[in-house]
Amino acid sequence: MIESQSVLEIVFAALVLVIAYTVRGATGFGGQAIAVPLLALVLPLQTVVPAITVLTALSSFTYWRRDRDKIKWSEIVRLLPFTLIGVMAGLYVFQQVDPRTLTRAFGGFVILYALFSLRSAGAVSAPPRFARLIGALLSAASGALGAIFGAAAGPLYVIYFNMLRLEKEVFRATVTTILMFQAVARIAGYAQLGFYDRTVMLLIVAGLPLMLIGARLGGIMGGRIEQHVFNRCVAALLLVSGVALILK
């Protein structure tokens, strides 16, 4: 399949991967929300989702090694069981449900939240009373939507961690880590379903150096952004993610 792509399509896919993982490197999430819908313009979705999940897990591991001292492990431990439940539910319906309508509805929700966040990105507020319950629900939904759509996991975690008002380095490291654990669970599920064929493995191998380039660029950019600018960048990225999901 990949061998049959035109030179222009290959160049487009390469640029998408570098940009997506630059964004992910700077913010801790968003790579799949950008990469999956854009790559799906030139490759089958059944090829894109399993491959990008592997690349995202690998990129998360590189950040985990570098920033593991900044991870808020108490939140990882609290959220992970709900994430795994969501992934199992998502994998169950992965081959049975047409995700287009739900993806667009979810994209609309993310856009509305992003617009709200852009208005309040500079404000500091205490976590809401029911933040832990909200986090559990969002984590389960993220696992399910990520397994089904391949591009809807990050924004839901961002909504919860924004409620906690984590410092940007802690925010990025914690989001990256929970997404890494979710990606590993999804990879196991996709493998069980038989999605890792020759075409998918070829895309993973071709995309690995591009992911590393983007990750490096994102790491440089992320360390130079002030807190209020970072908050607004997160909100803007949510807006882009929502639009990408609607167009998927």
C-alpha atoms as a PDB file:
ATOM      1  CA  MET A   1       0.000   0.000   0.000  1.00  0.00           C
ATOM      2  CA  ILE A   2       2.684   2.524   1.038  1.00  0.00           C
ATOM      3  CA  GLU A   3       4.846   1.605  -1.962  1.00  0.00           C
ATOM      4  CA  SER A   4       2.021   2.768  -4.262  1.00  0.00           C
ATOM      5  CA  GLN A   5       1.830   6.281  -2.821  1.00  0.00           C
ATOM      6  CA  SER A   6       2.966   9.213  -4.974  1.00  0.00           C
ATOM      7  CA  VAL A   7       6.029  11.277  -4.075  1.00  0.00           C
ATOM      8  CA  LEU A   8       3.781  14.195  -3.096  1.00  0.00           C
ATOM      9  CA  GLU A   9       1.746  11.978  -0.762  1.00  0.00           C
ATOM     10  CA  ILE A  10       4.920  10.618   0.850  1.00  0.00           C
ATOM     11  CA  VAL A  11       6.279  14.137   1.401  1.00  0.00           C
ATOM     12  CA  PHE A  12       2.917  15.220   2.842  1.00  0.00           C
ATOM     13  CA  ALA A  13       2.871  12.257   5.239  1.00  0.00           C
ATOM     14  CA  ALA A  14       6.443  12.987   6.342  1.00  0.00           C
ATOM     15  CA  LEU A  15       5.636  16.639   7.098  1.00  0.00           C
ATOM     16  CA  VAL A  16       2.514  15.618   9.020  1.00  0.00           C
ATOM     17  CA  LEU A  17       4.532  13.270  11.234  1.00  0.00           C
ATOM     18  CA  VAL A  18       7.209  15.852  12.003  1.00  0.00           C
ATOM     19  CA  ILE A  19       4.641  18.550  12.789  1.00  0.00           C
ATOM     20  CA  ALA A  20       2.445  16.234  14.859  1.00  0.00           C
ATOM     21  CA  TYR A  21       5.288  15.043  17.075  1.00  0.00           C
ATOM     22  CA  THR A  22       6.733  18.536  17.366  1.00  0.00           C
ATOM     23  CA  VAL A  23       3.394  19.602  18.818  1.00  0.00           C
ATOM     24  CA  ARG A  24       3.324  16.530  21.044  1.00  0.00           C
ATOM     25  CA  GLY A  25       6.859  17.200  22.227  1.00  0.00           C
ATOM     26  CA  ALA A  26       6.018  20.786  23.168  1.00  0.00           C
ATOM     27  CA  THR A  27       2.710  20.093  24.935  1.00  0.00           C
ATOM     28  CA  GLY A  28       2.650  16.405  25.897  1.00  0.00           C
ATOM     29  CA  PHE A  29      -0.376  15.514  23.759  1.00  0.00           C
ATOM     30  CA  GLY A  30      -2.049  16.275  20.435  1.00  0.00           C
ATOM     31  CA  GLY A  31       0.179  14.249  18.136  1.00  0.00           C
ATOM     32  CA  GLN A  32      -2.452  11.653  17.272  1.00  0.00           C
ATOM     33  CA  ALA A  33      -5.232  14.229  16.913  1.00  0.00           C
ATOM     34  CA  ILE A  34      -3.156  15.926  14.242  1.00  0.00           C
ATOM     35  CA  ALA A  35      -1.491  12.923  12.604  1.00  0.00           C
ATOM     36  CA  VAL A  36      -4.407  10.480  12.294  1.00  0.00           C
ATOM     37  CA  PRO A  37      -6.952  12.598  10.379  1.00  0.00           C
ATOM     38  CA  LEU A  38      -4.319  14.107   8.091  1.00  0.00           C
ATOM     39  CA  LEU A  39      -2.593  10.815   7.294  1.00  0.00           C
ATOM     40  CA  ALA A  40      -6.014   9.267   6.701  1.00  0.00           C
ATOM     41  CA  LEU A  41      -6.276  11.563   3.673  1.00  0.00           C
ATOM     42  CA  VAL A  42      -3.587   9.505   1.929  1.00  0.00           C
ATOM     43  CA  LEU A  43      -3.640   6.161   3.779  1.00  0.00           C
ATOM     44  CA  PRO A  44      -6.403   3.837   5.032  1.00  0.00           C
ATOM     45  CA  LEU A  45      -7.519   4.569   8.576  1.00  0.00           C
ATOM     46  CA  GLN A  46      -7.017   0.902   9.501  1.00  0.00           C
ATOM     47  CA  THR A  47      -3.349   1.364   8.630  1.00  0.00           C
ATOM     48  CA  VAL A  48      -2.869   4.770  10.218  1.00  0.00           C
ATOM     49  CA  VAL A  49      -4.359   4.152  13.677  1.00  0.00           C
ATOM     50  CA  PRO A  50      -2.281   1.105  14.732  1.00  0.00           C
ATOM     51  CA  ALA A  51       0.922   2.636  13.332  1.00  0.00           C
ATOM     52  CA  ILE A  52       0.498   6.032  14.998  1.00  0.00           C
ATOM     53  CA  THR A  53      -0.345   4.319  18.280  1.00  0.00           C
ATOM     54  CA  VAL A  54       3.062   2.592  18.231  1.00  0.00           C
ATOM     55  CA  LEU A  55       4.900   5.805  17.316  1.00  0.00           C
ATOM     56  CA  THR A  56       3.090   7.665  20.089  1.00  0.00           C
ATOM     57  CA  ALA A  57       4.040   5.020  22.637  1.00  0.00           C
ATOM     58  CA  LEU A  58       7.685   5.242  21.572  1.00  0.00           C
ATOM     59  CA  SER A  59       7.676   9.039  21.729  1.00  0.00           C
ATOM     60  CA  SER A  60       6.053   8.919  25.164  1.00  0.00           C
ATOM     61  CA  PHE A  61       8.771   6.592  26.402  1.00  0.00           C
ATOM     62  CA  THR A  62      11.519   9.011  25.357  1.00  0.00           C
ATOM     63  CA  TYR A  63       9.831  11.819  27.325  1.00  0.00           C
ATOM     64  CA  TRP A  64       9.205   9.494  30.255  1.00  0.00           C
ATOM     65  CA  ARG A  65      12.909   8.716  30.544  1.00  0.00           C
ATOM     66  CA  ARG A  66      13.781  12.401  30.431  1.00  0.00           C
ATOM     67  CA  ASP A  67      11.015  13.840  32.642  1.00  0.00           C
ATOM     68  CA  ARG A  68      10.073  10.961  34.939  1.00  0.00           C
ATOM     69  CA  ASP A  69      11.010  13.013  38.027  1.00  0.00           C
ATOM     70  CA  LYS A  70       8.280  15.523  37.085  1.00  0.00           C
ATOM     71  CA  ILE A  71       5.448  12.990  36.704  1.00  0.00           C
ATOM     72  CA  LYS A  72       2.578  13.270  39.167  1.00  0.00           C
ATOM     73  CA  TRP A  73       2.388   9.541  39.865  1.00  0.00           C
ATOM     74  CA  SER A  74      -0.536   9.822  42.243  1.00  0.00           C
ATOM     75  CA  GLU A  75      -2.705  10.929  39.321  1.00  0.00           C
ATOM     76  CA  ILE A  76      -1.360   8.156  37.065  1.00  0.00           C
ATOM     77  CA  VAL A  77      -2.235   5.517  39.666  1.00  0.00           C
ATOM     78  CA  ARG A  78      -5.688   7.048  40.162  1.00  0.00           C
ATOM     79  CA  LEU A  79      -6.521   7.285  36.448  1.00  0.00           C
ATOM     80  CA  LEU A  80      -4.936   4.134  35.001  1.00  0.00           C
ATOM     81  CA  PRO A  81      -7.625   1.595  36.036  1.00  0.00           C
ATOM     82  CA  PHE A  82     -10.340   3.720  34.425  1.00  0.00           C
ATOM     83  CA  THR A  83      -8.188   4.172  31.328  1.00  0.00           C
ATOM     84  CA  LEU A  84      -7.760   0.405  30.931  1.00  0.00           C
ATOM     85  CA  ILE A  85     -11.497  -0.193  31.341  1.00  0.00           C
ATOM     86  CA  GLY A  86     -12.129   2.369  28.623  1.00  0.00           C
ATOM     87  CA  VAL A  87      -9.550   0.809  26.283  1.00  0.00           C
ATOM     88  CA  MET A  88     -11.126  -2.635  26.657  1.00  0.00           C
ATOM     89  CA  ALA A  89     -14.560  -1.215  25.892  1.00  0.00           C
ATOM     90  CA  GLY A  90     -13.210   0.703  22.906  1.00  0.00           C
ATOM     91  CA  LEU A  91     -11.437  -2.305  21.447  1.00  0.00           C
ATOM     92  CA  TYR A  92     -14.651  -4.316  21.747  1.00  0.00           C
ATOM     93  CA  VAL A  93     -16.501  -1.939  19.434  1.00  0.00           C
ATOM     94  CA  PHE A  94     -13.504  -1.015  17.246  1.00  0.00           C
ATOM     95  CA  GLN A  95     -14.564  -3.242  14.378  1.00  0.00           C
ATOM     96  CA  GLN A  96     -18.322  -2.915  14.839  1.00  0.00           C
ATOM     97  CA  VAL A  97     -19.181   0.795  15.050  1.00  0.00           C
ATOM     98  CA  ASP A  98     -18.925   3.518  12.402  1.00  0.00           C
ATOM     99  CA  PRO A  99     -17.039   6.229  14.342  1.00  0.00           C
ATOM    100  CA  ARG A 100     -17.591   9.201  12.003  1.00  0.00           C
ATOM    101  CA  THR A 101     -20.703  10.713  13.601  1.00  0.00           C
ATOM    102  CA  LEU A 102     -19.423  10.314  17.159  1.00  0.00           C
ATOM    103  CA  THR A 103     -16.006  11.671  16.185  1.00  0.00           C
ATOM    104  CA  ARG A 104     -17.547  14.840  14.788  1.00  0.00           C
ATOM    105  CA  ALA A 105     -19.721  15.301  17.874  1.00  0.00           C
ATOM    106  CA  PHE A 106     -16.668  14.838  20.075  1.00  0.00           C
ATOM    107  CA  GLY A 107     -14.739  17.335  17.956  1.00  0.00           C
ATOM    108  CA  GLY A 108     -17.489  19.878  18.515  1.00  0.00           C
ATOM    109  CA  PHE A 109     -17.250  19.356  22.272  1.00  0.00           C
ATOM    110  CA  VAL A 110     -13.478  19.840  22.203  1.00  0.00           C
ATOM    111  CA  ILE A 111     -13.863  23.054  20.202  1.00  0.00           C
ATOM    112  CA  LEU A 112     -16.324  24.471  22.745  1.00  0.00           C
ATOM    113  CA  TYR A 113     -13.990  23.607  25.597  1.00  0.00           C
ATOM    114  CA  ALA A 114     -11.016  25.107  23.743  1.00  0.00           C
ATOM    115  CA  LEU A 115     -12.872  28.391  23.234  1.00  0.00           C
ATOM    116  CA  PHE A 116     -13.681  28.455  26.950  1.00  0.00           C
ATOM    117  CA  SER A 117     -10.050  27.695  27.817  1.00  0.00           C
ATOM    118  CA  LEU A 118      -8.774  30.506  25.588  1.00  0.00           C
ATOM    119  CA  ARG A 119     -10.831  32.949  27.655  1.00  0.00           C
ATOM    120  CA  SER A 120      -9.551  31.633  30.979  1.00  0.00           C
ATOM    121  CA  ALA A 121      -6.027  30.419  30.138  1.00  0.00           C
ATOM    122  CA  GLY A 122      -4.394  33.040  32.300  1.00  0.00           C
ATOM    123  CA  ALA A 123      -6.655  32.556  35.313  1.00  0.00           C
ATOM    124  CA  VAL A 124      -5.784  30.449  38.359  1.00  0.00           C
ATOM    125  CA  SER A 125      -8.551  28.671  40.209  1.00  0.00           C
ATOM    126  CA  ALA A 126      -8.905  25.883  42.741  1.00  0.00           C
ATOM    127  CA  PRO A 127      -9.788  22.404  41.473  1.00  0.00           C
ATOM    128  CA  PRO A 128     -13.547  21.823  41.293  1.00  0.00           C
ATOM    129  CA  ARG A 129     -15.181  19.855  44.098  1.00  0.00           C
ATOM    130  CA  PHE A 130     -15.810  16.805  41.953  1.00  0.00           C
ATOM    131  CA  ALA A 131     -12.518  16.908  40.021  1.00  0.00           C
ATOM    132  CA  ARG A 132     -11.539  13.332  40.964  1.00  0.00           C
ATOM    133  CA  LEU A 133     -14.854  11.910  39.780  1.00  0.00           C
ATOM    134  CA  ILE A 134     -14.627  13.962  36.598  1.00  0.00           C
ATOM    135  CA  GLY A 135     -11.082  12.689  36.079  1.00  0.00           C
ATOM    136  CA  ALA A 136     -12.195   9.064  36.373  1.00  0.00           C
ATOM    137  CA  LEU A 137     -15.013   9.548  33.859  1.00  0.00           C
ATOM    138  CA  LEU A 138     -12.801  11.449  31.422  1.00  0.00           C
ATOM    139  CA  SER A 139     -10.054   8.834  31.731  1.00  0.00           C
ATOM    140  CA  ALA A 140     -12.433   5.977  30.892  1.00  0.00           C
ATOM    141  CA  ALA A 141     -13.892   7.956  27.996  1.00  0.00           C
ATOM    142  CA  SER A 142     -10.386   8.765  26.754  1.00  0.00           C
ATOM    143  CA  GLY A 143      -9.411   5.091  26.735  1.00  0.00           C
ATOM    144  CA  ALA A 144     -12.544   4.108  24.835  1.00  0.00           C
ATOM    145  CA  LEU A 145     -12.414   6.954  22.314  1.00  0.00           C
ATOM    146  CA  GLY A 146      -8.678   6.525  21.788  1.00  0.00           C
ATOM    147  CA  ALA A 147      -9.101   2.830  21.027  1.00  0.00           C
ATOM    148  CA  ILE A 148     -11.980   3.472  18.616  1.00  0.00           C
ATOM    149  CA  PHE A 149     -10.836   6.652  16.876  1.00  0.00           C
ATOM    150  CA  GLY A 150      -7.071   6.651  17.353  1.00  0.00           C
ATOM    151  CA  ALA A 151      -7.067  10.413  17.807  1.00  0.00           C
ATOM    152  CA  ALA A 152      -9.349  11.398  20.663  1.00  0.00           C
ATOM    153  CA  ALA A 153      -7.399  10.425  23.789  1.00  0.00           C
ATOM    154  CA  GLY A 154      -5.290  13.452  24.705  1.00  0.00           C
ATOM    155  CA  PRO A 155      -7.853  16.276  24.963  1.00  0.00           C
ATOM    156  CA  LEU A 156      -9.881  14.536  27.666  1.00  0.00           C
ATOM    157  CA  TYR A 157      -6.843  14.131  29.907  1.00  0.00           C
ATOM    158  CA  VAL A 158      -5.975  17.756  29.215  1.00  0.00           C
ATOM    159  CA  ILE A 159      -9.407  18.873  30.393  1.00  0.00           C
ATOM    160  CA  TYR A 160      -8.867  17.100  33.722  1.00  0.00           C
ATOM    161  CA  PHE A 161      -5.263  18.201  34.265  1.00  0.00           C
ATOM    162  CA  ASN A 162      -6.209  21.770  33.394  1.00  0.00           C
ATOM    163  CA  MET A 163      -8.713  21.600  36.265  1.00  0.00           C
ATOM    164  CA  LEU A 164      -5.811  20.762  38.589  1.00  0.00           C
ATOM    165  CA  ARG A 165      -3.763  23.706  37.243  1.00  0.00           C
ATOM    166  CA  LEU A 166      -0.547  21.692  37.058  1.00  0.00           C
ATOM    167  CA  GLU A 167       2.699  23.497  36.333  1.00  0.00           C
ATOM    168  CA  LYS A 168       3.565  23.119  32.646  1.00  0.00           C
ATOM    169  CA  GLU A 169       6.449  20.623  33.027  1.00  0.00           C
ATOM    170  CA  VAL A 170       4.436  18.453  35.437  1.00  0.00           C
ATOM    171  CA  PHE A 171       1.424  18.774  33.117  1.00  0.00           C
ATOM    172  CA  ARG A 172       3.371  17.669  30.056  1.00  0.00           C
ATOM    173  CA  ALA A 173       5.176  14.784  31.785  1.00  0.00           C
ATOM    174  CA  THR A 174       1.989  13.457  33.403  1.00  0.00           C
ATOM    175  CA  VAL A 175      -0.141  13.659  30.250  1.00  0.00           C
ATOM    176  CA  THR A 176       2.617  11.989  28.241  1.00  0.00           C
ATOM    177  CA  THR A 177       2.924   9.148  30.757  1.00  0.00           C
ATOM    178  CA  ILE A 178      -0.775   8.297  30.982  1.00  0.00           C
ATOM    179  CA  LEU A 179      -0.980   8.364  27.183  1.00  0.00           C
ATOM    180  CA  MET A 180       2.007   6.007  27.014  1.00  0.00           C
ATOM    181  CA  PHE A 181       0.267   3.476  29.256  1.00  0.00           C
ATOM    182  CA  GLN A 182      -2.921   3.810  27.230  1.00  0.00           C
ATOM    183  CA  ALA A 183      -1.036   3.355  23.955  1.00  0.00           C
ATOM    184  CA  VAL A 184       0.611   0.147  25.201  1.00  0.00           C
ATOM    185  CA  ALA A 185      -2.802  -1.271  26.102  1.00  0.00           C
ATOM    186  CA  ARG A 186      -4.179  -0.308  22.697  1.00  0.00           C
ATOM    187  CA  ILE A 187      -1.206  -1.849  20.872  1.00  0.00           C
ATOM    188  CA  ALA A 188      -1.865  -5.152  22.609  1.00  0.00           C
ATOM    189  CA  GLY A 189      -5.511  -4.945  21.543  1.00  0.00           C
ATOM    190  CA  TYR A 190      -4.767  -4.039  17.911  1.00  0.00           C
ATOM    191  CA  ALA A 191      -2.237  -6.878  17.730  1.00  0.00           C
ATOM    192  CA  GLN A 192      -4.846  -9.297  19.031  1.00  0.00           C
ATOM    193  CA  LEU A 193      -7.236  -8.060  16.345  1.00  0.00           C
ATOM    194  CA  GLY A 194      -4.589  -8.670  13.648  1.00  0.00           C
ATOM    195  CA  PHE A 195      -3.957  -5.100  12.492  1.00  0.00           C
ATOM    196  CA  TYR A 196      -0.131  -5.216  12.494  1.00  0.00           C
ATOM    197  CA  ASP A 197       0.412  -6.442   8.961  1.00  0.00           C
ATOM    198  CA  ARG A 198       3.352  -5.676   6.642  1.00  0.00           C
ATOM    199  CA  THR A 199       1.968  -2.301   5.556  1.00  0.00           C
ATOM    200  CA  VAL A 200       1.494  -1.068   9.112  1.00  0.00           C
ATOM    201  CA  MET A 201       4.977  -2.225  10.144  1.00  0.00           C
ATOM    202  CA  LEU A 202       6.488  -0.463   7.122  1.00  0.00           C
ATOM    203  CA  LEU A 203       4.758   2.773   8.121  1.00  0.00           C
ATOM    204  CA  ILE A 204       6.101   2.430  11.665  1.00  0.00           C
ATOM    205  CA  VAL A 205       9.671   1.919  10.453  1.00  0.00           C
ATOM    206  CA  ALA A 206       9.450   4.827   8.000  1.00  0.00           C
ATOM    207  CA  GLY A 207       7.839   7.099  10.579  1.00  0.00           C
ATOM    208  CA  LEU A 208      10.238   6.418  13.459  1.00  0.00           C
ATOM    209  CA  PRO A 209      13.036   8.851  12.421  1.00  0.00           C
ATOM    210  CA  LEU A 210      10.438  11.513  11.584  1.00  0.00           C
ATOM    211  CA  MET A 211       8.857  11.081  15.022  1.00  0.00           C
ATOM    212  CA  LEU A 212      12.264  11.476  16.679  1.00  0.00           C
ATOM    213  CA  ILE A 213      12.951  14.675  14.728  1.00  0.00           C
ATOM    214  CA  GLY A 214       9.592  16.122  15.732  1.00  0.00           C
ATOM    215  CA  ALA A 215      10.055  15.052  19.347  1.00  0.00           C
ATOM    216  CA  ARG A 216      13.415  16.800  19.483  1.00  0.00           C
ATOM    217  CA  LEU A 217      12.024  20.012  17.997  1.00  0.00           C
ATOM    218  CA  GLY A 218       9.064  19.923  20.369  1.00  0.00           C
ATOM    219  CA  GLY A 219      11.282  19.431  23.396  1.00  0.00           C
ATOM    220  CA  ILE A 220      13.291  22.522  22.454  1.00  0.00           C
ATOM    221  CA  MET A 221      10.168  24.618  21.913  1.00  0.00           C
ATOM    222  CA  GLY A 222       8.343  23.418  25.017  1.00  0.00           C
ATOM    223  CA  GLY A 223      11.144  24.409  27.388  1.00  0.00           C
ATOM    224  CA  ARG A 224      11.079  28.004  26.209  1.00  0.00           C
ATOM    225  CA  ILE A 225       7.381  28.808  26.636  1.00  0.00           C
ATOM    226  CA  GLU A 226       6.175  30.764  29.679  1.00  0.00           C
ATOM    227  CA  GLN A 227       3.297  29.376  31.782  1.00  0.00           C
ATOM    228  CA  HIS A 228       0.507  31.694  30.551  1.00  0.00           C
ATOM    229  CA  VAL A 229       1.676  31.281  26.959  1.00  0.00           C
ATOM    230  CA  PHE A 230       1.750  27.511  27.466  1.00  0.00           C
ATOM    231  CA  ASN A 231      -1.850  27.559  28.782  1.00  0.00           C
ATOM    232  CA  ARG A 232      -3.009  29.445  25.705  1.00  0.00           C
ATOM    233  CA  CYS A 233      -1.067  27.107  23.421  1.00  0.00           C
ATOM    234  CA  VAL A 234      -2.807  24.139  25.033  1.00  0.00           C
ATOM    235  CA  ALA A 235      -6.191  25.778  24.462  1.00  0.00           C
ATOM    236  CA  ALA A 236      -5.305  26.585  20.858  1.00  0.00           C
ATOM    237  CA  LEU A 237      -4.140  23.021  20.283  1.00  0.00           C
ATOM    238  CA  LEU A 238      -7.423  21.729  21.673  1.00  0.00           C
ATOM    239  CA  LEU A 239      -9.189  23.917  19.124  1.00  0.00           C
ATOM    240  CA  VAL A 240      -7.076  22.443  16.311  1.00  0.00           C
ATOM    241  CA  SER A 241      -7.699  18.946  17.661  1.00  0.00           C
ATOM    242  CA  GLY A 242     -11.442  19.533  17.654  1.00  0.00           C
ATOM    243  CA  VAL A 243     -11.412  20.761  14.068  1.00  0.00           C
ATOM    244  CA  ALA A 244      -9.244  17.799  13.044  1.00  0.00           C
ATOM    245  CA  LEU A 245     -11.663  15.377  14.661  1.00  0.00           C
ATOM    246  CA  ILE A 246     -14.640  16.939  12.887  1.00  0.00           C
ATOM    247  CA  LEU A 247     -12.836  16.705   9.559  1.00  0.00           C
ATOM    248  CA  LYS A 248     -11.695  13.147  10.160  1.00  0.00           C
END
